[in-house]
Each structure stands twice: as C-alpha cells, then as structure tokens.
C-alpha cells in the first residue's frame, strides 16, 4: 500500500524510467492484439498468418522482459526512497529500514 503514496512524492526524473518500462509492457500487449487480428485475417488470406506469427513472436519477446524490468525498477525506487515516504507520513524508520508492519 505504500507505492501509490510514494509515487506522489517522487520527482519526474525518478518516475520516468518506471513509466517507460510500463509503457513498454503496454506496447507489447498492443502488439499481441495486432498479432491476433492478423491471425484472424489469416483465415481468409494465408500470408497474414506469416505476419501474425512474426508479430506474436515479437510481442512475446517484449512481454517477457517488460514485467521483470518494471518490477525491478519499482523495487529499486521503493528501496531508495522509502525514507522520503516515512518522513512525509511522519513515521520514523528504524536503522534497518521499514518493516512490513510499518509499510501498511
């Protein structure tokens, strides 16, 4: 539950890589949609099946790396900036960082 609150406190230069990773995954999903559309066109015109296969393969490759990159960036942002959130909420973090109980 800390992520939405932390997101509001972050500067644009910190947000940018996270947004770009999320957009990359959304673009892979859009590409998969196009691949399905080409596949349905392939029912009537066989060369569209080749195009569909290529587009679906490209979207699959992009979608495999997208969520991992996004999750790594989110985890890194939380690790680096959790004290900013604690200060904004008035919760003094201990020396070891925030615990799961403090995160909620």
PDB file of N, CA and C in Angstrom:
ATOM      1  N   UNK A   1       0.803  -1.201   0.000  1.00  0.00           N
ATOM      2  CA  UNK A   1       0.000   0.000   0.000  1.00  0.00           C
ATOM      3  C   UNK A   1       0.850   1.270   0.000  1.00  0.00           C
ATOM      4  N   UNK A   2       2.128   1.127   0.104  1.00  0.00           N
ATOM      5  CA  UNK A   2       2.985   2.305   0.144  1.00  0.00           C
ATOM      6  C   UNK A   2       3.247   2.883  -1.247  1.00  0.00           C
ATOM      7  N   UNK A   3       3.142   2.056  -2.274  1.00  0.00           N
ATOM      8  CA  UNK A   3       3.530   2.511  -3.609  1.00  0.00           C
ATOM      9  C   UNK A   3       2.750   3.725  -4.097  1.00  0.00           C
ATOM     10  N   UNK A   4       1.425   3.774  -4.018  1.00  0.00           N
ATOM     11  CA  UNK A   4       0.721   4.958  -4.515  1.00  0.00           C
ATOM     12  C   UNK A   4       1.123   6.241  -3.777  1.00  0.00           C
ATOM     13  N   UNK A   5       1.371   6.124  -2.509  1.00  0.00           N
ATOM     14  CA  UNK A   5       1.777   7.296  -1.726  1.00  0.00           C
ATOM     15  C   UNK A   5       3.189   7.740  -2.084  1.00  0.00           C
ATOM     16  N   UNK A   6       4.055   6.766  -2.267  1.00  0.00           N
ATOM     17  CA  UNK A   6       5.427   7.088  -2.655  1.00  0.00           C
ATOM     18  C   UNK A   6       5.466   7.693  -4.055  1.00  0.00           C
ATOM     19  N   UNK A   7       4.635   7.184  -4.946  1.00  0.00           N
ATOM     20  CA  UNK A   7       4.587   7.684  -6.325  1.00  0.00           C
ATOM     21  C   UNK A   7       4.255   9.170  -6.349  1.00  0.00           C
ATOM     22  N   UNK A   8       3.392   9.622  -5.461  1.00  0.00           N
ATOM     23  CA  UNK A   8       3.016  11.033  -5.399  1.00  0.00           C
ATOM     24  C   UNK A   8       4.177  11.925  -4.968  1.00  0.00           C
ATOM     25  N   UNK A   9       5.127  11.368  -4.245  1.00  0.00           N
ATOM     26  CA  UNK A   9       6.245  12.153  -3.729  1.00  0.00           C
ATOM     27  C   UNK A   9       7.455  12.194  -4.665  1.00  0.00           C
ATOM     28  N   UNK A  10       7.496  11.297  -5.626  1.00  0.00           N
ATOM     29  CA  UNK A  10       8.683  11.179  -6.478  1.00  0.00           C
ATOM     30  C   UNK A  10       8.772  12.305  -7.505  1.00  0.00           C
ATOM     31  N   UNK A  11       9.993  12.648  -7.833  1.00  0.00           N
ATOM     32  CA  UNK A  11      10.233  13.656  -8.865  1.00  0.00           C
ATOM     33  C   UNK A  11      10.143  13.006 -10.246  1.00  0.00           C
ATOM     34  N   UNK A  12       9.997  13.830 -11.264  1.00  0.00           N
ATOM     35  CA  UNK A  12       9.827  13.318 -12.628  1.00  0.00           C
ATOM     36  C   UNK A  12      11.020  12.497 -13.111  1.00  0.00           C
ATOM     37  N   UNK A  13      12.224  12.866 -12.712  1.00  0.00           N
ATOM     38  CA  UNK A  13      13.396  12.129 -13.172  1.00  0.00           C
ATOM     39  C   UNK A  13      13.440  10.715 -12.577  1.00  0.00           C
ATOM     40  N   UNK A  14      12.825  10.518 -11.435  1.00  0.00           N
ATOM     41  CA  UNK A  14      12.747   9.180 -10.844  1.00  0.00           C
ATOM     42  C   UNK A  14      11.596   8.404 -11.470  1.00  0.00           C
ATOM     43  N   UNK A  15      10.511   9.084 -11.772  1.00  0.00           N
ATOM     44  CA  UNK A  15       9.334   8.441 -12.355  1.00  0.00           C
ATOM     45  C   UNK A  15       9.556   7.981 -13.793  1.00  0.00           C
ATOM     46  N   UNK A  16      10.335   8.717 -14.539  1.00  0.00           N
ATOM     47  CA  UNK A  16      10.477   8.488 -15.982  1.00  0.00           C
ATOM     48  C   UNK A  16      10.845   7.046 -16.344  1.00  0.00           C
ATOM     49  N   UNK A  17      11.886   6.439 -15.746  1.00  0.00           N
ATOM     50  CA  UNK A  17      12.210   5.059 -16.134  1.00  0.00           C
ATOM     51  C   UNK A  17      11.094   4.066 -15.797  1.00  0.00           C
ATOM     52  N   UNK A  18      10.388   4.298 -14.707  1.00  0.00           N
ATOM     53  CA  UNK A  18       9.292   3.408 -14.325  1.00  0.00           C
ATOM     54  C   UNK A  18       8.157   3.522 -15.343  1.00  0.00           C
ATOM     55  N   UNK A  19       7.837   4.747 -15.725  1.00  0.00           N
ATOM     56  CA  UNK A  19       6.778   4.971 -16.707  1.00  0.00           C
ATOM     57  C   UNK A  19       7.162   4.354 -18.053  1.00  0.00           C
ATOM     58  N   UNK A  20       8.418   4.518 -18.454  1.00  0.00           N
ATOM     59  CA  UNK A  20       8.863   3.959 -19.732  1.00  0.00           C
ATOM     60  C   UNK A  20       8.792   2.436 -19.735  1.00  0.00           C
ATOM     61  N   UNK A  21       9.132   1.808 -18.605  1.00  0.00           N
ATOM     62  CA  UNK A  21       9.042   0.348 -18.519  1.00  0.00           C
ATOM     63  C   UNK A  21       7.586  -0.107 -18.600  1.00  0.00           C
ATOM     64  N   UNK A  22       6.696   0.626 -17.950  1.00  0.00           N
ATOM     65  CA  UNK A  22       5.269   0.277 -18.003  1.00  0.00           C
ATOM     66  C   UNK A  22       4.708   0.473 -19.407  1.00  0.00           C
ATOM     67  N   UNK A  23       5.124   1.532 -20.075  1.00  0.00           N
ATOM     68  CA  UNK A  23       4.682   1.776 -21.448  1.00  0.00           C
ATOM     69  C   UNK A  23       5.201   0.673 -22.376  1.00  0.00           C
ATOM     70  N   UNK A  24       6.427   0.231 -22.162  1.00  0.00           N
ATOM     71  CA  UNK A  24       6.986  -0.845 -22.977  1.00  0.00           C
ATOM     72  C   UNK A  24       6.173  -2.124 -22.870  1.00  0.00           C
ATOM     73  N   UNK A  25       5.723  -2.438 -21.665  1.00  0.00           N
ATOM     74  CA  UNK A  25       4.896  -3.636 -21.497  1.00  0.00           C
ATOM     75  C   UNK A  25       3.529  -3.447 -22.147  1.00  0.00           C
ATOM     76  N   UNK A  26       2.959  -2.260 -22.025  1.00  0.00           N
ATOM     77  CA  UNK A  26       1.666  -1.985 -22.657  1.00  0.00           C
ATOM     78  C   UNK A  26       1.779  -2.072 -24.178  1.00  0.00           C
ATOM     79  N   UNK A  27       2.894  -1.615 -24.716  1.00  0.00           N
ATOM     80  CA  UNK A  27       3.098  -1.708 -26.162  1.00  0.00           C
ATOM     81  C   UNK A  27       3.233  -3.166 -26.619  1.00  0.00           C
ATOM     82  N   UNK A  28       3.839  -3.998 -25.786  1.00  0.00           N
ATOM     83  CA  UNK A  28       3.931  -5.423 -26.121  1.00  0.00           C
ATOM     84  C   UNK A  28       2.543  -6.059 -26.143  1.00  0.00           C
ATOM     85  N   UNK A  29       1.691  -5.664 -25.208  1.00  0.00           N
ATOM     86  CA  UNK A  29       0.320  -6.182 -25.195  1.00  0.00           C
ATOM     87  C   UNK A  29      -0.456  -5.706 -26.421  1.00  0.00           C
ATOM     88  N   UNK A  30      -0.250  -4.463 -26.808  1.00  0.00           N
ATOM     89  CA  UNK A  30      -0.901  -3.941 -28.013  1.00  0.00           C
ATOM     90  C   UNK A  30      -0.422  -4.700 -29.248  1.00  0.00           C
ATOM     91  N   UNK A  31       0.856  -4.977 -29.294  1.00  0.00           N
ATOM     92  CA  UNK A  31       1.415  -5.725 -30.412  1.00  0.00           C
ATOM     93  C   UNK A  31       0.813  -7.133 -30.479  1.00  0.00           C
ATOM     94  N   UNK A  32       0.591  -7.742 -29.325  1.00  0.00           N
ATOM     95  CA  UNK A  32      -0.052  -9.063 -29.303  1.00  0.00           C
ATOM     96  C   UNK A  32      -1.472  -8.984 -29.849  1.00  0.00           C
ATOM     97  N   UNK A  33      -2.167  -7.913 -29.538  1.00  0.00           N
ATOM     98  CA  UNK A  33      -3.508  -7.717 -30.081  1.00  0.00           C
ATOM     99  C   UNK A  33      -3.489  -7.629 -31.599  1.00  0.00           C
ATOM    100  N   UNK A  34      -2.509  -6.905 -32.120  1.00  0.00           N
ATOM    101  CA  UNK A  34      -2.379  -6.814 -33.577  1.00  0.00           C
ATOM    102  C   UNK A  34      -2.063  -8.181 -34.179  1.00  0.00           C
ATOM    103  N   UNK A  35      -1.245  -8.945 -33.483  1.00  0.00           N
ATOM    104  CA  UNK A  35      -0.939 -10.288 -33.958  1.00  0.00           C
ATOM    105  C   UNK A  35      -2.181 -11.165 -34.047  1.00  0.00           C
ATOM    106  N   UNK A  36      -3.064 -11.029 -33.068  1.00  0.00           N
ATOM    107  CA  UNK A  36      -4.323 -11.787 -33.097  1.00  0.00           C
ATOM    108  C   UNK A  36      -5.205 -11.327 -34.263  1.00  0.00           C
ATOM    109  N   UNK A  37      -5.218 -10.036 -34.501  1.00  0.00           N
ATOM    110  CA  UNK A  37      -6.008  -9.536 -35.633  1.00  0.00           C
ATOM    111  C   UNK A  37      -5.458 -10.045 -36.970  1.00  0.00           C
ATOM    112  N   UNK A  38      -4.121 -10.038 -37.098  1.00  0.00           N
ATOM    113  CA  UNK A  38      -3.521 -10.585 -38.318  1.00  0.00           C
ATOM    114  C   UNK A  38      -3.837 -12.075 -38.441  1.00  0.00           C
ATOM    115  N   UNK A  39      -3.854 -12.763 -37.307  1.00  0.00           N
ATOM    116  CA  UNK A  39      -4.181 -14.182 -37.327  1.00  0.00           C
ATOM    117  C   UNK A  39      -5.601 -14.441 -37.805  1.00  0.00           C
ATOM    118  N   UNK A  40      -6.527 -13.586 -37.388  1.00  0.00           N
ATOM    119  CA  UNK A  40      -7.909 -13.765 -37.860  1.00  0.00           C
ATOM    120  C   UNK A  40      -8.024 -13.442 -39.350  1.00  0.00           C
ATOM    121  N   UNK A  41      -7.229 -12.486 -39.819  1.00  0.00           N
ATOM    122  CA  UNK A  41      -7.218 -12.199 -41.258  1.00  0.00           C
ATOM    123  C   UNK A  41      -6.602 -13.370 -42.029  1.00  0.00           C
ATOM    124  N   UNK A  42      -5.715 -14.103 -41.359  1.00  0.00           N
ATOM    125  CA  UNK A  42      -5.076 -15.249 -41.986  1.00  0.00           C
ATOM    126  C   UNK A  42      -6.031 -16.382 -42.293  1.00  0.00           C
ATOM    127  N   UNK A  43      -7.198 -16.366 -41.682  1.00  0.00           N
ATOM    128  CA  UNK A  43      -8.196 -17.381 -42.005  1.00  0.00           C
ATOM    129  C   UNK A  43      -8.678 -17.237 -43.444  1.00  0.00           C
ATOM    130  N   UNK A  44      -8.573 -16.038 -43.977  1.00  0.00           N
ATOM    131  CA  UNK A  44      -9.057 -15.767 -45.325  1.00  0.00           C
ATOM    132  C   UNK A  44      -7.929 -15.530 -46.333  1.00  0.00           C
ATOM    133  N   UNK A  45      -6.749 -15.162 -45.827  1.00  0.00           N
ATOM    134  CA  UNK A  45      -5.626 -14.836 -46.704  1.00  0.00           C
ATOM    135  C   UNK A  45      -4.367 -15.363 -46.038  1.00  0.00           C
ATOM    136  N   UNK A  46      -3.804 -16.460 -46.501  1.00  0.00           N
ATOM    137  CA  UNK A  46      -2.736 -17.160 -45.804  1.00  0.00           C
ATOM    138  C   UNK A  46      -1.482 -16.338 -45.522  1.00  0.00           C
ATOM    139  N   UNK A  47      -1.055 -15.358 -46.340  1.00  0.00           N
ATOM    140  CA  UNK A  47       0.155 -14.604 -45.978  1.00  0.00           C
ATOM    141  C   UNK A  47       0.017 -13.830 -44.650  1.00  0.00           C
ATOM    142  N   UNK A  48      -1.204 -13.531 -44.274  1.00  0.00           N
ATOM    143  CA  UNK A  48      -1.401 -12.846 -42.992  1.00  0.00           C
ATOM    144  C   UNK A  48      -1.014 -13.741 -41.816  1.00  0.00           C
ATOM    145  N   UNK A  49      -1.048 -15.044 -41.996  1.00  0.00           N
ATOM    146  CA  UNK A  49      -0.620 -15.958 -40.930  1.00  0.00           C
ATOM    147  C   UNK A  49       0.872 -15.824 -40.645  1.00  0.00           C
ATOM    148  N   UNK A  50       1.651 -15.615 -41.688  1.00  0.00           N
ATOM    149  CA  UNK A  50       3.095 -15.410 -41.505  1.00  0.00           C
ATOM    150  C   UNK A  50       3.338 -14.112 -40.742  1.00  0.00           C
ATOM    151  N   UNK A  51       2.630 -13.074 -41.133  1.00  0.00           N
ATOM    152  CA  UNK A  51       2.742 -11.792 -40.437  1.00  0.00           C
ATOM    153  C   UNK A  51       2.310 -11.933 -38.982  1.00  0.00           C
ATOM    154  N   UNK A  52       1.219 -12.643 -38.755  1.00  0.00           N
ATOM    155  CA  UNK A  52       0.719 -12.851 -37.393  1.00  0.00           C
ATOM    156  C   UNK A  52       1.756 -13.573 -36.538  1.00  0.00           C
ATOM    157  N   UNK A  53       2.380 -14.584 -37.101  1.00  0.00           N
ATOM    158  CA  UNK A  53       3.393 -15.332 -36.347  1.00  0.00           C
ATOM    159  C   UNK A  53       4.568 -14.432 -35.970  1.00  0.00           C
ATOM    160  N   UNK A  54       5.012 -13.614 -36.907  1.00  0.00           N
ATOM    161  CA  UNK A  54       6.137 -12.706 -36.627  1.00  0.00           C
ATOM    162  C   UNK A  54       5.768 -11.669 -35.572  1.00  0.00           C
ATOM    163  N   UNK A  55       4.585 -11.109 -35.702  1.00  0.00           N
ATOM    164  CA  UNK A  55       4.148 -10.082 -34.751  1.00  0.00           C
ATOM    165  C   UNK A  55       3.956 -10.689 -33.367  1.00  0.00           C
ATOM    166  N   UNK A  56       3.365 -11.869 -33.291  1.00  0.00           N
ATOM    167  CA  UNK A  56       3.169 -12.517 -31.990  1.00  0.00           C
ATOM    168  C   UNK A  56       4.496 -12.913 -31.349  1.00  0.00           C
ATOM    169  N   UNK A  57       5.448 -13.339 -32.152  1.00  0.00           N
ATOM    170  CA  UNK A  57       6.767 -13.662 -31.613  1.00  0.00           C
ATOM    171  C   UNK A  57       7.451 -12.411 -31.058  1.00  0.00           C
ATOM    172  N   UNK A  58       7.358 -11.314 -31.780  1.00  0.00           N
ATOM    173  CA  UNK A  58       7.956 -10.061 -31.301  1.00  0.00           C
ATOM    174  C   UNK A  58       7.293  -9.594 -30.015  1.00  0.00           C
ATOM    175  N   UNK A  59       5.975  -9.697 -29.942  1.00  0.00           N
ATOM    176  CA  UNK A  59       5.278  -9.260 -28.723  1.00  0.00           C
ATOM    177  C   UNK A  59       5.613 -10.174 -27.554  1.00  0.00           C
ATOM    178  N   UNK A  60       5.756 -11.459 -27.802  1.00  0.00           N
ATOM    179  CA  UNK A  60       6.113 -12.401 -26.735  1.00  0.00           C
ATOM    180  C   UNK A  60       7.492 -12.085 -26.168  1.00  0.00           C
ATOM    181  N   UNK A  61       8.438 -11.784 -27.056  1.00  0.00           N
ATOM    182  CA  UNK A  61       9.795 -11.456 -26.592  1.00  0.00           C
ATOM    183  C   UNK A  61       9.804 -10.165 -25.782  1.00  0.00           C
ATOM    184  N   UNK A  62       9.048  -9.175 -26.222  1.00  0.00           N
ATOM    185  CA  UNK A  62       8.981  -7.916 -25.480  1.00  0.00           C
ATOM    186  C   UNK A  62       8.270  -8.096 -24.145  1.00  0.00           C
ATOM    187  N   UNK A  63       7.211  -8.881 -24.145  1.00  0.00           N
ATOM    188  CA  UNK A  63       6.417  -9.072 -22.928  1.00  0.00           C
ATOM    189  C   UNK A  63       7.176  -9.875 -21.874  1.00  0.00           C
ATOM    190  N   UNK A  64       8.111 -10.706 -22.286  1.00  0.00           N
ATOM    191  CA  UNK A  64       8.886 -11.490 -21.313  1.00  0.00           C
ATOM    192  C   UNK A  64       9.817 -10.609 -20.485  1.00  0.00           C
ATOM    193  N   UNK A  65      10.413  -9.616 -21.094  1.00  0.00           N
ATOM    194  CA  UNK A  65      11.363  -8.765 -20.368  1.00  0.00           C
ATOM    195  C   UNK A  65      10.679  -7.576 -19.708  1.00  0.00           C
ATOM    196  N   UNK A  66       9.525  -7.167 -20.192  1.00  0.00           N
ATOM    197  CA  UNK A  66       8.849  -5.977 -19.685  1.00  0.00           C
ATOM    198  C   UNK A  66       8.473  -6.019 -18.219  1.00  0.00           C
ATOM    199  N   UNK A  67       7.736  -7.024 -17.754  1.00  0.00           N
ATOM    200  CA  UNK A  67       7.339  -7.053 -16.338  1.00  0.00           C
ATOM    201  C   UNK A  67       8.522  -7.172 -15.385  1.00  0.00           C
ATOM    202  N   UNK A  68       9.539  -7.902 -15.791  1.00  0.00           N
ATOM    203  CA  UNK A  68      10.713  -8.042 -14.931  1.00  0.00           C
ATOM    204  C   UNK A  68      11.421  -6.696 -14.753  1.00  0.00           C
ATOM    205  N   UNK A  69      11.568  -5.972 -15.842  1.00  0.00           N
ATOM    206  CA  UNK A  69      12.194  -4.652 -15.774  1.00  0.00           C
ATOM    207  C   UNK A  69      11.361  -3.697 -14.926  1.00  0.00           C
ATOM    208  N   UNK A  70      10.043  -3.720 -15.128  1.00  0.00           N
ATOM    209  CA  UNK A  70       9.146  -2.859 -14.369  1.00  0.00           C
ATOM    210  C   UNK A  70       9.222  -3.177 -12.874  1.00  0.00           C
ATOM    211  N   UNK A  71       9.168  -4.459 -12.526  1.00  0.00           N
ATOM    212  CA  UNK A  71       9.215  -4.862 -11.120  1.00  0.00           C
ATOM    213  C   UNK A  71      10.544  -4.490 -10.475  1.00  0.00           C
ATOM    214  N   UNK A  72      11.627  -4.660 -11.207  1.00  0.00           N
ATOM    215  CA  UNK A  72      12.941  -4.297 -10.675  1.00  0.00           C
ATOM    216  C   UNK A  72      13.037  -2.800 -10.417  1.00  0.00           C
ATOM    217  N   UNK A  73      12.508  -2.006 -11.328  1.00  0.00           N
ATOM    218  CA  UNK A  73      12.538  -0.553 -11.143  1.00  0.00           C
ATOM    219  C   UNK A  73      11.676  -0.124  -9.962  1.00  0.00           C
ATOM    220  N   UNK A  74      10.498  -0.707  -9.825  1.00  0.00           N
ATOM    221  CA  UNK A  74       9.622  -0.359  -8.699  1.00  0.00           C
ATOM    222  C   UNK A  74      10.290  -0.740  -7.381  1.00  0.00           C
ATOM    223  N   UNK A  75      10.864  -1.929  -7.334  1.00  0.00           N
ATOM    224  CA  UNK A  75      11.543  -2.363  -6.119  1.00  0.00           C
ATOM    225  C   UNK A  75      12.709  -1.434  -5.783  1.00  0.00           C
ATOM    226  N   UNK A  76      13.471  -1.044  -6.787  1.00  0.00           N
ATOM    227  CA  UNK A  76      14.589  -0.137  -6.566  1.00  0.00           C
ATOM    228  C   UNK A  76      14.144   1.229  -6.075  1.00  0.00           C
ATOM    229  N   UNK A  77      13.065   1.743  -6.656  1.00  0.00           N
ATOM    230  CA  UNK A  77      12.551   3.044  -6.222  1.00  0.00           C
ATOM    231  C   UNK A  77      12.098   2.982  -4.761  1.00  0.00           C
ATOM    232  N   UNK A  78      11.426   1.914  -4.391  1.00  0.00           N
ATOM    233  CA  UNK A  78      10.975   1.776  -3.004  1.00  0.00           C
ATOM    234  C   UNK A  78      12.176   1.648  -2.077  1.00  0.00           C
ATOM    235  N   UNK A  79      13.165   0.852  -2.464  1.00  0.00           N
ATOM    236  CA  UNK A  79      14.352   0.681  -1.622  1.00  0.00           C
ATOM    237  C   UNK A  79      15.089   1.995  -1.405  1.00  0.00           C
ATOM    238  N   UNK A  80      15.192   2.792  -2.447  1.00  0.00           N
ATOM    239  CA  UNK A  80      15.978   4.027  -2.362  1.00  0.00           C
ATOM    240  C   UNK A  80      15.202   5.167  -1.699  1.00  0.00           C
ATOM    241  N   UNK A  81      13.893   5.225  -1.914  1.00  0.00           N
ATOM    242  CA  UNK A  81      13.120   6.388  -1.482  1.00  0.00           C
ATOM    243  C   UNK A  81      12.125   6.111  -0.353  1.00  0.00           C
ATOM    244  N   UNK A  82      12.220   4.967   0.328  1.00  0.00           N
ATOM    245  CA  UNK A  82      11.246   4.688   1.381  1.00  0.00           C
ATOM    246  C   UNK A  82      11.344   5.662   2.558  1.00  0.00           C
ATOM    247  N   UNK A  83      12.524   6.200   2.792  1.00  0.00           N
ATOM    248  CA  UNK A  83      12.656   7.172   3.882  1.00  0.00           C
ATOM    249  C   UNK A  83      11.925   8.480   3.576  1.00  0.00           C
ATOM    250  N   UNK A  84      11.878   8.851   2.299  1.00  0.00           N
ATOM    251  CA  UNK A  84      11.117  10.024   1.884  1.00  0.00           C
ATOM    252  C   UNK A  84       9.645   9.848   2.243  1.00  0.00           C
ATOM    253  N   UNK A  85       9.116   8.674   1.993  1.00  0.00           N
ATOM    254  CA  UNK A  85       7.722   8.384   2.335  1.00  0.00           C
ATOM    255  C   UNK A  85       7.529   8.374   3.846  1.00  0.00           C
ATOM    256  N   UNK A  86       8.450   7.776   4.560  1.00  0.00           N
ATOM    257  CA  UNK A  86       8.345   7.735   6.020  1.00  0.00           C
ATOM    258  C   UNK A  86       8.350   9.147   6.602  1.00  0.00           C
ATOM    259  N   UNK A  87       9.209  10.004   6.088  1.00  0.00           N
ATOM    260  CA  UNK A  87       9.246  11.391   6.551  1.00  0.00           C
ATOM    261  C   UNK A  87       7.942  12.115   6.239  1.00  0.00           C
ATOM    262  N   UNK A  88       7.408  11.895   5.041  1.00  0.00           N
ATOM    263  CA  UNK A  88       6.167  12.568   4.649  1.00  0.00           C
ATOM    264  C   UNK A  88       4.991  12.113   5.507  1.00  0.00           C
ATOM    265  N   UNK A  89       5.001  10.859   5.921  1.00  0.00           N
ATOM    266  CA  UNK A  89       3.915  10.330   6.747  1.00  0.00           C
ATOM    267  C   UNK A  89       4.150  10.525   8.237  1.00  0.00           C
ATOM    268  N   UNK A  90       5.338  10.985   8.586  1.00  0.00           N
ATOM    269  CA  UNK A  90       5.647  11.207   9.994  1.00  0.00           C
ATOM    270  C   UNK A  90       5.969   9.939  10.751  1.00  0.00           C
ATOM    271  N   UNK A  91       6.431   8.931  10.046  1.00  0.00           N
ATOM    272  CA  UNK A  91       6.799   7.655  10.665  1.00  0.00           C
ATOM    273  C   UNK A  91       8.319   7.582  10.705  1.00  0.00           C
ATOM    274  N   UNK A  92       8.912   7.591  11.886  1.00  0.00           N
ATOM    275  CA  UNK A  92      10.372   7.498  11.944  1.00  0.00           C
ATOM    276  C   UNK A  92      10.823   6.064  11.671  1.00  0.00           C
ATOM    277  N   UNK A  93      11.542   5.822  10.563  1.00  0.00           N
ATOM    278  CA  UNK A  93      12.014   4.462  10.278  1.00  0.00           C
ATOM    279  C   UNK A  93      13.177   4.100  11.185  1.00  0.00           C
ATOM    280  N   UNK A  94      13.295   2.818  11.498  1.00  0.00           N
ATOM    281  CA  UNK A  94      14.418   2.351  12.296  1.00  0.00           C
ATOM    282  C   UNK A  94      15.677   2.296  11.459  1.00  0.00           C
ATOM    283  N   UNK A  95      16.767   1.891  12.079  1.00  0.00           N
ATOM    284  CA  UNK A  95      18.049   1.814  11.373  1.00  0.00           C
ATOM    285  C   UNK A  95      18.033   0.753  10.277  1.00  0.00           C
ATOM    286  N   UNK A  96      17.245  -0.275  10.440  1.00  0.00           N
ATOM    287  CA  UNK A  96      17.186  -1.352   9.460  1.00  0.00           C
ATOM    288  C   UNK A  96      16.208  -1.080   8.338  1.00  0.00           C
ATOM    289  N   UNK A  97      15.569   0.077   8.316  1.00  0.00           N
ATOM    290  CA  UNK A  97      14.581   0.378   7.283  1.00  0.00           C
ATOM    291  C   UNK A  97      13.180   0.118   7.801  1.00  0.00           C
ATOM    292  N   UNK A  98      12.240   0.187   6.931  1.00  0.00           N
ATOM    293  CA  UNK A  98      10.847  -0.018   7.315  1.00  0.00           C
ATOM    294  C   UNK A  98      10.531  -1.508   7.329  1.00  0.00           C
ATOM    295  N   UNK A  99       9.765  -1.916   8.316  1.00  0.00           N
ATOM    296  CA  UNK A  99       9.317  -3.303   8.366  1.00  0.00           C
ATOM    297  C   UNK A  99       8.025  -3.432   7.594  1.00  0.00           C
ATOM    298  N   UNK A 100       7.567  -4.652   7.405  1.00  0.00           N
ATOM    299  CA  UNK A 100       6.324  -4.869   6.670  1.00  0.00           C
ATOM    300  C   UNK A 100       5.149  -4.265   7.431  1.00  0.00           C
ATOM    301  N   UNK A 101       5.189  -4.308   8.749  1.00  0.00           N
ATOM    302  CA  UNK A 101       4.107  -3.725   9.545  1.00  0.00           C
ATOM    303  C   UNK A 101       4.060  -2.209   9.377  1.00  0.00           C
ATOM    304  N   UNK A 102       5.210  -1.572   9.275  1.00  0.00           N
ATOM    305  CA  UNK A 102       5.236  -0.119   9.078  1.00  0.00           C
ATOM    306  C   UNK A 102       4.835   0.258   7.667  1.00  0.00           C
ATOM    307  N   UNK A 103       5.038  -0.650   6.728  1.00  0.00           N
ATOM    308  CA  UNK A 103       4.710  -0.400   5.327  1.00  0.00           C
ATOM    309  C   UNK A 103       3.204  -0.315   5.123  1.00  0.00           C
ATOM    310  N   UNK A 104       2.441  -0.942   5.943  1.00  0.00           N
ATOM    311  CA  UNK A 104       0.981  -0.962   5.781  1.00  0.00           C
ATOM    312  C   UNK A 104       0.420   0.177   6.502  1.00  0.00           C
TER     313      UNK A 104
END
